[in-house]
Each structure stands twice: as structure tokens, then as C-alpha cells.
């Protein structure tokens, strides 16, 4: 379960703290953008974690289906098809185009591996039915938790984006200022 710790130091703790979006109108535009970018990175990480979980759920379900239908091809033989089937399926929820890379990919992989011994999933065909069902339930419960947190982060991002858009509409921010700030940041990066 993805727990949020009030006053915690992790990014998800900060982003989902009610104070994170309190008084946005009193913050400078750079701070609002920084918070939005922080929330976007958290959404990217949660989306990556969801994809890892979905892959494992798909593998377990495919093995259960193979057993029910009496298929002879192993899950390993079907792996590319199993993972590709849902990759091109209809979009669900509030998917967003993401330009960021996950910042904690390795930590997320370890987290998912720890939920259910991935050594077991390396040979799903040898697992008893009850062990497969337990793996499916564990992954599904974690995916629901991650999805809930991701939706909460998206709400925060929407509020931050709305604040930024409002400032542009009201003339309190301009594209010229944004471009100047980006040029300055790029120049600083080149000096380092």
C-alpha cells in the first residue's frame, strides 16, 4: 500500500500534503511551477509503478486462463503477446502524455518484486492455483492503492496548472518571462 505520511520528507508526502496547494495565489509563479513539476515527477513515478504491476497481473491472469482453458503454450512462450495485448488496449482513467522519466525506477522494481517473490513468477506454470490467486490479489491490491494515489496527485497537478493558466489569463504572467527564465536557467547550466 502506498501510504502518505503527514509531514514526511518523501515527494509523495509533500505533494499530497494539503499545505502543498494552500495559498497558491500568494506564491510566486516560479514556486507554483516548481510544485507542478514536482507533482508531475511523482505522477510519472506512480504511472511507472502501475505499469510494472499491470505486467505482473497480466502474466498471472494469462497463466490462470491457460489452466482454465487447457492451453499448452507456456506463459513464457506467450509473454510478448500477453504484455502487448494490454499495451495497445483502450485508455483507462486520466492518462496523460508524460515527457519525464521515472526517477525511482529501480526502487519501484524492487518494491514490486518484494510484494510477491518474483522468483515464483519466473516459472508461473509450476505454481499451485492458490499461490497464483494470492499473487493476483496482492498485485491487484497494490495497483488499486497506486492508482488512488496517482489520481490524488493528478488533482494536485490540475490545481497547479489551473493557477498557472489563471495568471496568464489575468496578465500576471507572460510567455516572454517564461522564455527569459528558461534562457537564464540554460545559461546557468552551461556555466556549471
N, C-alpha and C. Protein backbone atom coordinates (compact mmCIF):
# COMPACT_ATOMS: atom_id res chain seq x y z
N UNK A 1 0.84 -1.19 0.00
CA UNK A 1 0.00 0.00 0.00
C UNK A 1 0.88 1.25 0.00
N UNK A 2 0.50 2.20 -0.81
CA UNK A 2 1.21 3.46 -0.87
C UNK A 2 0.66 4.36 0.24
N UNK A 3 1.41 4.49 1.29
CA UNK A 3 0.99 5.31 2.42
C UNK A 3 1.56 6.72 2.28
N UNK A 4 0.78 7.68 2.69
CA UNK A 4 1.24 9.07 2.73
C UNK A 4 1.42 9.42 4.19
N UNK A 5 2.61 9.89 4.51
CA UNK A 5 2.94 10.23 5.90
C UNK A 5 2.88 11.74 6.09
N UNK A 6 1.92 12.23 6.87
CA UNK A 6 1.85 13.67 7.12
C UNK A 6 3.18 14.17 7.67
N UNK A 7 3.68 15.23 7.07
CA UNK A 7 4.95 15.79 7.50
C UNK A 7 6.16 15.01 7.00
N UNK A 8 5.92 13.99 6.19
CA UNK A 8 7.01 13.16 5.68
C UNK A 8 7.88 13.91 4.69
N UNK A 9 9.05 13.36 4.42
CA UNK A 9 10.02 14.03 3.56
C UNK A 9 10.00 13.52 2.13
N UNK A 10 9.30 12.41 1.87
CA UNK A 10 9.25 11.90 0.50
C UNK A 10 8.43 12.84 -0.37
N UNK A 11 8.68 12.78 -1.65
CA UNK A 11 7.96 13.66 -2.59
C UNK A 11 6.45 13.44 -2.49
N UNK A 12 6.00 12.20 -2.43
CA UNK A 12 4.55 11.95 -2.37
C UNK A 12 3.95 12.54 -1.09
N UNK A 13 4.71 12.51 0.00
CA UNK A 13 4.24 13.10 1.25
C UNK A 13 4.05 14.61 1.09
N UNK A 14 5.01 15.26 0.42
CA UNK A 14 4.92 16.71 0.21
C UNK A 14 3.78 17.05 -0.75
N UNK A 15 3.72 16.35 -1.89
CA UNK A 15 2.73 16.67 -2.92
C UNK A 15 1.31 16.47 -2.42
N UNK A 16 1.08 15.45 -1.60
CA UNK A 16 -0.28 15.18 -1.13
C UNK A 16 -0.58 15.82 0.23
N UNK A 17 0.33 16.61 0.75
CA UNK A 17 0.07 17.38 1.96
C UNK A 17 -0.87 18.53 1.58
N UNK A 18 -1.97 18.71 2.31
CA UNK A 18 -2.91 19.79 1.97
C UNK A 18 -2.24 21.17 1.88
N UNK A 19 -1.18 21.39 2.62
CA UNK A 19 -0.48 22.68 2.58
C UNK A 19 0.21 22.93 1.24
N UNK A 20 0.45 21.87 0.48
CA UNK A 20 1.16 21.99 -0.79
C UNK A 20 0.40 22.89 -1.77
N UNK A 21 -0.92 22.88 -1.71
CA UNK A 21 -1.72 23.67 -2.63
C UNK A 21 -2.46 24.81 -1.92
N UNK A 22 -2.19 24.97 -0.66
CA UNK A 22 -2.83 26.04 0.11
C UNK A 22 -2.18 27.38 -0.25
N UNK A 23 -2.98 28.38 -0.52
CA UNK A 23 -2.48 29.73 -0.76
C UNK A 23 -1.64 29.86 -2.03
N UNK A 24 -2.00 29.13 -3.06
CA UNK A 24 -1.23 29.20 -4.32
C UNK A 24 -1.16 30.62 -4.86
N UNK A 25 -2.23 31.38 -4.68
CA UNK A 25 -2.27 32.74 -5.22
C UNK A 25 -1.25 33.66 -4.56
N UNK A 26 -0.72 33.26 -3.41
CA UNK A 26 0.28 34.06 -2.71
C UNK A 26 1.72 33.66 -3.07
N UNK A 27 1.86 32.56 -3.80
CA UNK A 27 3.20 32.08 -4.16
C UNK A 27 3.64 32.71 -5.48
N UNK A 28 4.95 32.82 -5.63
CA UNK A 28 5.49 33.30 -6.90
C UNK A 28 5.26 32.25 -7.98
N UNK A 29 5.24 32.72 -9.21
CA UNK A 29 5.00 31.83 -10.34
C UNK A 29 6.05 30.72 -10.42
N UNK A 30 7.30 31.05 -10.15
CA UNK A 30 8.37 30.05 -10.20
C UNK A 30 8.11 28.94 -9.18
N UNK A 31 7.61 29.28 -8.01
CA UNK A 31 7.31 28.28 -6.98
C UNK A 31 6.13 27.41 -7.40
N UNK A 32 5.12 28.02 -7.98
CA UNK A 32 3.96 27.23 -8.44
C UNK A 32 4.41 26.25 -9.52
N UNK A 33 5.24 26.73 -10.45
CA UNK A 33 5.75 25.83 -11.50
C UNK A 33 6.61 24.72 -10.90
N UNK A 34 7.44 25.06 -9.93
CA UNK A 34 8.30 24.04 -9.29
C UNK A 34 7.45 22.97 -8.62
N UNK A 35 6.39 23.39 -7.97
CA UNK A 35 5.49 22.42 -7.32
C UNK A 35 4.78 21.56 -8.37
N UNK A 36 4.36 22.19 -9.45
CA UNK A 36 3.72 21.45 -10.54
C UNK A 36 4.69 20.41 -11.12
N UNK A 37 5.94 20.81 -11.32
CA UNK A 37 6.93 19.89 -11.85
C UNK A 37 7.21 18.74 -10.89
N UNK A 38 7.23 19.05 -9.61
CA UNK A 38 7.41 18.02 -8.58
C UNK A 38 6.25 17.01 -8.62
N UNK A 39 5.05 17.53 -8.73
CA UNK A 39 3.86 16.67 -8.81
C UNK A 39 3.89 15.84 -10.09
N UNK A 40 4.34 16.44 -11.19
CA UNK A 40 4.43 15.72 -12.46
C UNK A 40 5.43 14.56 -12.35
N UNK A 41 6.53 14.79 -11.65
CA UNK A 41 7.50 13.71 -11.48
C UNK A 41 6.91 12.60 -10.63
N UNK A 42 6.16 12.96 -9.62
CA UNK A 42 5.53 11.94 -8.78
C UNK A 42 4.51 11.14 -9.59
N UNK A 43 3.75 11.82 -10.43
CA UNK A 43 2.79 11.11 -11.28
C UNK A 43 3.52 10.15 -12.22
N UNK A 44 4.63 10.58 -12.77
CA UNK A 44 5.41 9.71 -13.66
C UNK A 44 5.88 8.47 -12.92
N UNK A 45 6.37 8.66 -11.71
CA UNK A 45 6.83 7.51 -10.93
C UNK A 45 5.69 6.56 -10.59
N UNK A 46 4.55 7.11 -10.20
CA UNK A 46 3.40 6.27 -9.89
C UNK A 46 2.89 5.55 -11.13
N UNK A 47 2.92 6.21 -12.27
CA UNK A 47 2.49 5.58 -13.53
C UNK A 47 3.42 4.42 -13.88
N UNK A 48 4.70 4.62 -13.68
CA UNK A 48 5.67 3.55 -13.96
C UNK A 48 5.41 2.35 -13.04
N UNK A 49 5.18 2.63 -11.77
CA UNK A 49 4.90 1.57 -10.81
C UNK A 49 3.62 0.82 -11.22
N UNK A 50 2.61 1.53 -11.65
CA UNK A 50 1.37 0.89 -12.13
C UNK A 50 1.65 -0.03 -13.31
N UNK A 51 2.46 0.44 -14.25
CA UNK A 51 2.78 -0.38 -15.42
C UNK A 51 3.49 -1.67 -15.01
N UNK A 52 4.40 -1.57 -14.05
CA UNK A 52 5.07 -2.78 -13.56
C UNK A 52 4.05 -3.76 -12.97
N UNK A 53 3.16 -3.23 -12.18
CA UNK A 53 2.14 -4.08 -11.56
C UNK A 53 1.21 -4.67 -12.61
N UNK A 54 0.81 -3.88 -13.59
CA UNK A 54 -0.07 -4.39 -14.64
C UNK A 54 0.58 -5.54 -15.40
N UNK A 55 1.87 -5.43 -15.67
CA UNK A 55 2.58 -6.51 -16.36
C UNK A 55 2.51 -7.80 -15.59
N UNK A 56 2.73 -7.73 -14.30
CA UNK A 56 2.69 -8.93 -13.48
C UNK A 56 1.27 -9.48 -13.34
N UNK A 57 0.31 -8.59 -13.22
CA UNK A 57 -1.10 -9.03 -13.18
C UNK A 57 -1.45 -9.75 -14.47
N UNK A 58 -1.03 -9.20 -15.59
CA UNK A 58 -1.32 -9.83 -16.89
C UNK A 58 -0.68 -11.21 -16.99
N UNK A 59 0.52 -11.37 -16.48
CA UNK A 59 1.20 -12.67 -16.53
C UNK A 59 0.44 -13.70 -15.69
N UNK A 60 0.05 -13.31 -14.49
CA UNK A 60 -0.68 -14.24 -13.61
C UNK A 60 -2.03 -14.60 -14.23
N UNK A 61 -2.74 -13.61 -14.74
CA UNK A 61 -4.04 -13.89 -15.35
C UNK A 61 -3.90 -14.79 -16.58
N UNK A 62 -2.85 -14.59 -17.34
CA UNK A 62 -2.64 -15.43 -18.53
C UNK A 62 -2.41 -16.88 -18.12
N UNK A 63 -1.66 -17.08 -17.04
CA UNK A 63 -1.43 -18.45 -16.57
C UNK A 63 -2.73 -19.06 -16.05
N UNK A 64 -3.52 -18.27 -15.33
CA UNK A 64 -4.81 -18.79 -14.87
C UNK A 64 -5.71 -19.15 -16.04
N UNK A 65 -5.74 -18.31 -17.05
CA UNK A 65 -6.55 -18.58 -18.25
C UNK A 65 -6.04 -19.83 -18.97
N UNK A 66 -4.73 -19.97 -19.08
CA UNK A 66 -4.15 -21.15 -19.74
C UNK A 66 -4.60 -22.42 -19.03
N UNK A 67 -4.60 -22.38 -17.71
CA UNK A 67 -5.02 -23.55 -16.93
C UNK A 67 -6.51 -23.84 -17.10
N UNK A 68 -7.31 -22.79 -17.06
CA UNK A 68 -8.76 -22.96 -17.20
C UNK A 68 -9.13 -23.50 -18.56
N UNK A 69 -8.50 -22.98 -19.59
CA UNK A 69 -8.83 -23.36 -20.97
C UNK A 69 -8.03 -24.56 -21.46
N UNK A 70 -7.07 -25.02 -20.65
CA UNK A 70 -6.27 -26.18 -21.03
C UNK A 70 -5.28 -25.92 -22.13
N UNK A 71 -4.78 -24.69 -22.22
CA UNK A 71 -3.79 -24.35 -23.25
C UNK A 71 -2.48 -25.07 -23.02
N UNK A 72 -1.75 -25.28 -24.11
CA UNK A 72 -0.48 -26.00 -23.99
C UNK A 72 0.73 -25.06 -24.04
N UNK A 73 0.59 -23.88 -24.62
CA UNK A 73 1.71 -22.95 -24.71
C UNK A 73 1.97 -22.33 -23.33
N UNK A 74 3.22 -22.29 -22.95
CA UNK A 74 3.57 -21.71 -21.65
C UNK A 74 3.43 -20.20 -21.71
N UNK A 75 3.33 -19.59 -20.54
CA UNK A 75 3.24 -18.14 -20.44
C UNK A 75 4.50 -17.52 -21.02
N UNK A 76 5.65 -18.14 -20.81
CA UNK A 76 6.90 -17.61 -21.34
C UNK A 76 6.83 -17.54 -22.87
N UNK A 77 6.27 -18.55 -23.49
CA UNK A 77 6.13 -18.56 -24.95
C UNK A 77 5.18 -17.47 -25.43
N UNK A 78 4.24 -17.09 -24.60
CA UNK A 78 3.23 -16.09 -24.96
C UNK A 78 3.54 -14.70 -24.41
N UNK A 79 4.66 -14.55 -23.72
CA UNK A 79 4.93 -13.33 -22.98
C UNK A 79 4.81 -12.06 -23.82
N UNK A 80 5.39 -12.04 -24.99
CA UNK A 80 5.30 -10.83 -25.82
C UNK A 80 3.85 -10.48 -26.14
N UNK A 81 3.05 -11.48 -26.45
CA UNK A 81 1.64 -11.25 -26.76
C UNK A 81 0.87 -10.79 -25.53
N UNK A 82 1.14 -11.43 -24.40
CA UNK A 82 0.45 -11.08 -23.15
C UNK A 82 0.69 -9.62 -22.81
N UNK A 83 1.93 -9.20 -22.85
CA UNK A 83 2.27 -7.83 -22.46
C UNK A 83 1.83 -6.83 -23.52
N UNK A 84 1.83 -7.22 -24.78
CA UNK A 84 1.43 -6.31 -25.86
C UNK A 84 -0.08 -6.12 -25.92
N UNK A 85 -0.85 -7.14 -25.56
CA UNK A 85 -2.30 -7.04 -25.65
C UNK A 85 -2.84 -5.84 -24.88
N UNK A 86 -2.39 -5.65 -23.67
CA UNK A 86 -2.90 -4.54 -22.87
C UNK A 86 -2.19 -3.24 -23.15
N UNK A 87 -1.02 -3.30 -23.76
CA UNK A 87 -0.29 -2.08 -24.07
C UNK A 87 -1.00 -1.26 -25.14
N UNK A 88 -1.77 -1.93 -26.01
CA UNK A 88 -2.46 -1.22 -27.08
C UNK A 88 -3.97 -1.14 -26.84
N UNK A 89 -4.39 -1.55 -25.67
CA UNK A 89 -5.82 -1.54 -25.35
C UNK A 89 -6.33 -0.14 -25.14
N UNK A 90 -7.62 -0.03 -24.87
CA UNK A 90 -8.21 1.29 -24.69
C UNK A 90 -7.67 1.97 -23.44
N UNK A 91 -7.52 3.27 -23.52
CA UNK A 91 -7.02 4.05 -22.39
C UNK A 91 -8.06 4.03 -21.28
N UNK A 92 -7.57 3.96 -20.06
CA UNK A 92 -8.45 3.97 -18.89
C UNK A 92 -8.01 5.11 -17.99
N UNK A 93 -8.95 5.79 -17.39
CA UNK A 93 -8.62 6.80 -16.40
C UNK A 93 -8.07 8.08 -17.01
N UNK A 94 -7.27 8.77 -16.21
CA UNK A 94 -6.76 10.08 -16.58
C UNK A 94 -5.33 9.98 -17.10
N UNK A 95 -5.10 9.18 -18.10
CA UNK A 95 -3.77 9.07 -18.66
C UNK A 95 -3.34 10.40 -19.25
N UNK A 96 -2.08 10.69 -19.12
CA UNK A 96 -1.54 11.94 -19.63
C UNK A 96 -0.24 11.63 -20.35
N UNK A 97 0.05 12.42 -21.35
CA UNK A 97 1.32 12.28 -22.03
C UNK A 97 2.40 12.73 -21.07
N UNK A 98 3.41 11.90 -20.91
CA UNK A 98 4.46 12.22 -19.96
C UNK A 98 5.80 12.32 -20.67
N UNK A 99 6.49 13.40 -20.41
CA UNK A 99 7.80 13.60 -21.02
C UNK A 99 8.92 13.26 -20.05
N UNK A 100 8.57 12.99 -18.82
CA UNK A 100 9.57 12.71 -17.79
C UNK A 100 9.87 11.22 -17.73
N UNK A 101 11.04 10.90 -17.26
CA UNK A 101 11.42 9.51 -16.99
C UNK A 101 11.20 9.25 -15.50
N UNK A 102 10.87 8.01 -15.13
CA UNK A 102 10.72 7.72 -13.69
C UNK A 102 12.03 8.00 -12.97
N UNK A 103 11.94 8.63 -11.84
CA UNK A 103 13.15 8.96 -11.08
C UNK A 103 13.55 7.84 -10.12
N UNK A 104 12.64 6.92 -9.86
CA UNK A 104 12.92 5.84 -8.91
C UNK A 104 12.61 4.48 -9.52
N UNK A 105 12.97 4.27 -10.77
CA UNK A 105 12.61 3.03 -11.47
C UNK A 105 13.13 1.79 -10.73
N UNK A 106 14.37 1.81 -10.33
CA UNK A 106 14.94 0.63 -9.65
C UNK A 106 14.25 0.37 -8.31
N UNK A 107 13.96 1.41 -7.58
CA UNK A 107 13.26 1.25 -6.30
C UNK A 107 11.86 0.68 -6.53
N UNK A 108 11.20 1.12 -7.59
CA UNK A 108 9.87 0.59 -7.89
C UNK A 108 9.94 -0.88 -8.27
N UNK A 109 10.95 -1.26 -9.05
CA UNK A 109 11.09 -2.68 -9.41
C UNK A 109 11.30 -3.53 -8.16
N UNK A 110 12.16 -3.07 -7.26
CA UNK A 110 12.39 -3.82 -6.02
C UNK A 110 11.12 -3.92 -5.19
N UNK A 111 10.35 -2.84 -5.15
CA UNK A 111 9.09 -2.83 -4.40
C UNK A 111 8.13 -3.89 -4.93
N UNK A 112 7.98 -3.93 -6.25
CA UNK A 112 7.06 -4.89 -6.87
C UNK A 112 7.58 -6.31 -6.66
N UNK A 113 8.88 -6.50 -6.79
CA UNK A 113 9.46 -7.83 -6.57
C UNK A 113 9.25 -8.31 -5.14
N UNK A 114 9.27 -7.38 -4.20
CA UNK A 114 9.10 -7.76 -2.80
C UNK A 114 7.66 -8.14 -2.46
N UNK A 115 6.69 -7.65 -3.24
CA UNK A 115 5.29 -7.96 -2.96
C UNK A 115 5.03 -9.46 -3.05
N UNK A 116 5.51 -10.06 -4.10
CA UNK A 116 5.38 -11.50 -4.34
C UNK A 116 6.72 -11.90 -4.90
N UNK A 117 7.32 -12.89 -4.32
CA UNK A 117 8.64 -13.30 -4.79
C UNK A 117 8.64 -13.46 -6.30
N UNK A 118 9.41 -12.63 -6.98
CA UNK A 118 9.48 -12.73 -8.44
C UNK A 118 10.14 -14.03 -8.87
N UNK A 119 10.83 -14.68 -7.96
CA UNK A 119 11.37 -16.00 -8.29
C UNK A 119 10.22 -16.94 -8.61
N UNK A 120 9.11 -16.78 -7.88
CA UNK A 120 7.92 -17.58 -8.15
C UNK A 120 7.37 -17.29 -9.55
N UNK A 121 7.38 -16.03 -9.93
CA UNK A 121 6.80 -15.66 -11.23
C UNK A 121 7.69 -16.05 -12.39
N UNK A 122 8.94 -16.39 -12.12
CA UNK A 122 9.81 -16.80 -13.22
C UNK A 122 9.37 -18.15 -13.79
N UNK A 123 8.58 -18.90 -13.02
CA UNK A 123 8.03 -20.18 -13.51
C UNK A 123 6.59 -20.30 -13.01
N UNK A 124 5.71 -19.42 -13.53
CA UNK A 124 4.32 -19.41 -13.06
C UNK A 124 3.62 -20.73 -13.32
N UNK A 125 4.07 -21.46 -14.32
CA UNK A 125 3.45 -22.74 -14.64
C UNK A 125 3.59 -23.76 -13.53
N UNK A 126 4.59 -23.59 -12.68
CA UNK A 126 4.80 -24.56 -11.60
C UNK A 126 4.11 -24.17 -10.29
N UNK A 127 3.53 -22.98 -10.24
CA UNK A 127 2.88 -22.53 -9.01
C UNK A 127 1.52 -23.19 -8.85
N UNK A 128 1.17 -23.54 -7.63
CA UNK A 128 -0.19 -24.06 -7.40
C UNK A 128 -1.23 -22.95 -7.60
N UNK A 129 -2.45 -23.34 -7.88
CA UNK A 129 -3.52 -22.38 -8.14
C UNK A 129 -3.68 -21.35 -7.03
N UNK A 130 -3.60 -21.81 -5.78
CA UNK A 130 -3.80 -20.88 -4.66
C UNK A 130 -2.68 -19.85 -4.58
N UNK A 131 -1.48 -20.23 -4.95
CA UNK A 131 -0.35 -19.29 -4.95
C UNK A 131 -0.53 -18.26 -6.07
N UNK A 132 -1.01 -18.70 -7.21
CA UNK A 132 -1.31 -17.76 -8.31
C UNK A 132 -2.39 -16.77 -7.89
N UNK A 133 -3.43 -17.27 -7.25
CA UNK A 133 -4.53 -16.39 -6.82
C UNK A 133 -4.03 -15.38 -5.78
N UNK A 134 -3.19 -15.83 -4.86
CA UNK A 134 -2.63 -14.92 -3.86
C UNK A 134 -1.78 -13.84 -4.54
N UNK A 135 -0.97 -14.23 -5.52
CA UNK A 135 -0.15 -13.25 -6.25
C UNK A 135 -1.05 -12.23 -6.95
N UNK A 136 -2.10 -12.71 -7.60
CA UNK A 136 -3.02 -11.81 -8.30
C UNK A 136 -3.67 -10.83 -7.33
N UNK A 137 -4.14 -11.35 -6.20
CA UNK A 137 -4.78 -10.48 -5.21
C UNK A 137 -3.80 -9.45 -4.66
N UNK A 138 -2.58 -9.87 -4.40
CA UNK A 138 -1.56 -8.95 -3.86
C UNK A 138 -1.25 -7.84 -4.85
N UNK A 139 -1.02 -8.22 -6.10
CA UNK A 139 -0.73 -7.22 -7.12
C UNK A 139 -1.92 -6.30 -7.36
N UNK A 140 -3.11 -6.85 -7.41
CA UNK A 140 -4.31 -6.04 -7.66
C UNK A 140 -4.55 -5.05 -6.52
N UNK A 141 -4.32 -5.47 -5.30
CA UNK A 141 -4.50 -4.57 -4.15
C UNK A 141 -3.49 -3.42 -4.21
N UNK A 142 -2.25 -3.75 -4.53
CA UNK A 142 -1.22 -2.72 -4.64
C UNK A 142 -1.53 -1.78 -5.80
N UNK A 143 -1.98 -2.33 -6.93
CA UNK A 143 -2.31 -1.49 -8.09
C UNK A 143 -3.43 -0.52 -7.74
N UNK A 144 -4.43 -0.97 -7.00
CA UNK A 144 -5.53 -0.09 -6.60
C UNK A 144 -5.02 1.05 -5.72
N UNK A 145 -4.10 0.74 -4.83
CA UNK A 145 -3.52 1.76 -3.96
C UNK A 145 -2.71 2.78 -4.77
N UNK A 146 -1.89 2.29 -5.68
CA UNK A 146 -1.08 3.16 -6.52
C UNK A 146 -1.98 4.04 -7.39
N UNK A 147 -3.02 3.45 -7.96
CA UNK A 147 -3.95 4.20 -8.81
C UNK A 147 -4.64 5.31 -8.02
N UNK A 148 -5.02 5.00 -6.79
CA UNK A 148 -5.68 6.01 -5.95
C UNK A 148 -4.74 7.18 -5.70
N UNK A 149 -3.50 6.89 -5.35
CA UNK A 149 -2.52 7.96 -5.09
C UNK A 149 -2.24 8.75 -6.36
N UNK A 150 -2.17 8.06 -7.48
CA UNK A 150 -1.91 8.73 -8.76
C UNK A 150 -3.03 9.70 -9.08
N UNK A 151 -4.28 9.29 -8.86
CA UNK A 151 -5.41 10.19 -9.10
C UNK A 151 -5.34 11.41 -8.18
N UNK A 152 -4.93 11.20 -6.93
CA UNK A 152 -4.79 12.32 -6.00
C UNK A 152 -3.70 13.29 -6.46
N UNK A 153 -2.60 12.75 -6.95
CA UNK A 153 -1.52 13.59 -7.46
C UNK A 153 -2.00 14.36 -8.69
N UNK A 154 -2.79 13.72 -9.54
CA UNK A 154 -3.31 14.39 -10.73
C UNK A 154 -4.23 15.56 -10.36
N UNK A 155 -4.98 15.41 -9.29
CA UNK A 155 -5.83 16.51 -8.82
C UNK A 155 -4.95 17.69 -8.41
N UNK A 156 -3.86 17.41 -7.70
CA UNK A 156 -2.93 18.46 -7.30
C UNK A 156 -2.34 19.13 -8.54
N UNK A 157 -1.91 18.33 -9.52
CA UNK A 157 -1.37 18.89 -10.75
C UNK A 157 -2.38 19.77 -11.46
N UNK A 158 -3.63 19.33 -11.51
CA UNK A 158 -4.68 20.13 -12.16
C UNK A 158 -4.85 21.47 -11.46
N UNK A 159 -4.81 21.49 -10.14
CA UNK A 159 -4.94 22.75 -9.40
C UNK A 159 -3.75 23.67 -9.68
N UNK A 160 -2.56 23.10 -9.72
CA UNK A 160 -1.37 23.90 -10.00
C UNK A 160 -1.40 24.44 -11.43
N UNK A 161 -1.78 23.60 -12.38
CA UNK A 161 -1.89 24.05 -13.77
C UNK A 161 -2.96 25.13 -13.92
N UNK A 162 -4.06 24.98 -13.20
CA UNK A 162 -5.12 25.98 -13.26
C UNK A 162 -4.63 27.32 -12.71
N UNK A 163 -3.83 27.28 -11.67
CA UNK A 163 -3.27 28.52 -11.11
C UNK A 163 -2.34 29.19 -12.11
N UNK A 164 -1.53 28.41 -12.77
CA UNK A 164 -0.61 28.97 -13.78
C UNK A 164 -1.41 29.57 -14.93
N UNK A 165 -2.40 28.84 -15.42
CA UNK A 165 -3.24 29.33 -16.53
C UNK A 165 -3.97 30.62 -16.13
N UNK A 166 -4.46 30.66 -14.90
CA UNK A 166 -5.17 31.85 -14.42
C UNK A 166 -4.26 33.07 -14.46
N UNK A 167 -3.02 32.89 -14.09
CA UNK A 167 -2.08 34.01 -14.09
C UNK A 167 -1.82 34.51 -15.51
N UNK A 168 -1.75 33.60 -16.45
CA UNK A 168 -1.59 34.03 -17.85
C UNK A 168 -2.83 34.76 -18.33
N UNK A 169 -4.01 34.23 -18.01
CA UNK A 169 -5.26 34.87 -18.42
C UNK A 169 -5.38 36.27 -17.85
N UNK A 170 -4.99 36.42 -16.60
CA UNK A 170 -5.12 37.71 -15.92
C UNK A 170 -3.96 38.65 -16.20
N UNK A 171 -3.00 38.21 -16.98
CA UNK A 171 -1.86 39.06 -17.32
C UNK A 171 -0.80 39.15 -16.23
N UNK A 172 -0.87 38.26 -15.24
CA UNK A 172 0.11 38.26 -14.15
C UNK A 172 1.35 37.45 -14.50
N UNK A 173 1.31 36.80 -15.66
CA UNK A 173 2.45 36.03 -16.14
C UNK A 173 2.48 36.19 -17.65
N UNK A 174 3.67 36.06 -18.21
CA UNK A 174 3.78 36.19 -19.66
C UNK A 174 4.72 35.13 -20.22
N UNK A 175 4.51 34.80 -21.47
CA UNK A 175 5.37 33.84 -22.14
C UNK A 175 6.79 34.39 -22.24
N UNK A 176 6.92 35.70 -22.45
CA UNK A 176 8.25 36.31 -22.54
C UNK A 176 9.05 36.09 -21.26
N UNK A 177 8.38 36.23 -20.10
CA UNK A 177 9.06 35.98 -18.82
C UNK A 177 9.47 34.53 -18.70
N UNK A 178 8.61 33.63 -19.14
CA UNK A 178 8.92 32.21 -19.10
C UNK A 178 10.13 31.90 -19.96
N UNK A 179 10.15 32.40 -21.17
CA UNK A 179 11.27 32.15 -22.07
C UNK A 179 12.57 32.75 -21.53
N UNK A 180 12.49 33.93 -20.94
CA UNK A 180 13.67 34.56 -20.36
C UNK A 180 14.21 33.73 -19.20
N UNK A 181 13.30 33.22 -18.37
CA UNK A 181 13.72 32.38 -17.24
C UNK A 181 14.37 31.09 -17.73
N UNK A 182 13.81 30.50 -18.79
CA UNK A 182 14.39 29.27 -19.34
C UNK A 182 15.76 29.53 -19.94
N UNK A 183 15.91 30.66 -20.64
CA UNK A 183 17.23 31.01 -21.20
C UNK A 183 18.25 31.17 -20.09
N UNK A 184 17.85 31.86 -19.02
CA UNK A 184 18.74 32.07 -17.89
C UNK A 184 19.15 30.75 -17.25
N UNK A 185 18.18 29.85 -17.09
CA UNK A 185 18.46 28.54 -16.50
C UNK A 185 19.41 27.75 -17.40
N UNK A 186 19.18 27.80 -18.71
CA UNK A 186 20.06 27.11 -19.66
C UNK A 186 21.48 27.65 -19.60
N UNK A 187 21.60 28.99 -19.52
CA UNK A 187 22.92 29.61 -19.44
C UNK A 187 23.63 29.20 -18.16
N UNK A 188 22.90 29.13 -17.06
CA UNK A 188 23.48 28.69 -15.79
C UNK A 188 23.97 27.24 -15.90
N UNK A 189 23.16 26.41 -16.56
CA UNK A 189 23.53 25.01 -16.74
C UNK A 189 24.78 24.86 -17.58
N UNK A 190 24.96 25.73 -18.56
CA UNK A 190 26.15 25.68 -19.40
C UNK A 190 27.40 26.15 -18.67
N UNK A 191 27.22 27.01 -17.65
CA UNK A 191 28.35 27.51 -16.87
C UNK A 191 28.85 26.46 -15.87
N UNK A 192 27.94 25.59 -15.44
CA UNK A 192 28.31 24.59 -14.43
C UNK A 192 29.12 23.50 -15.00
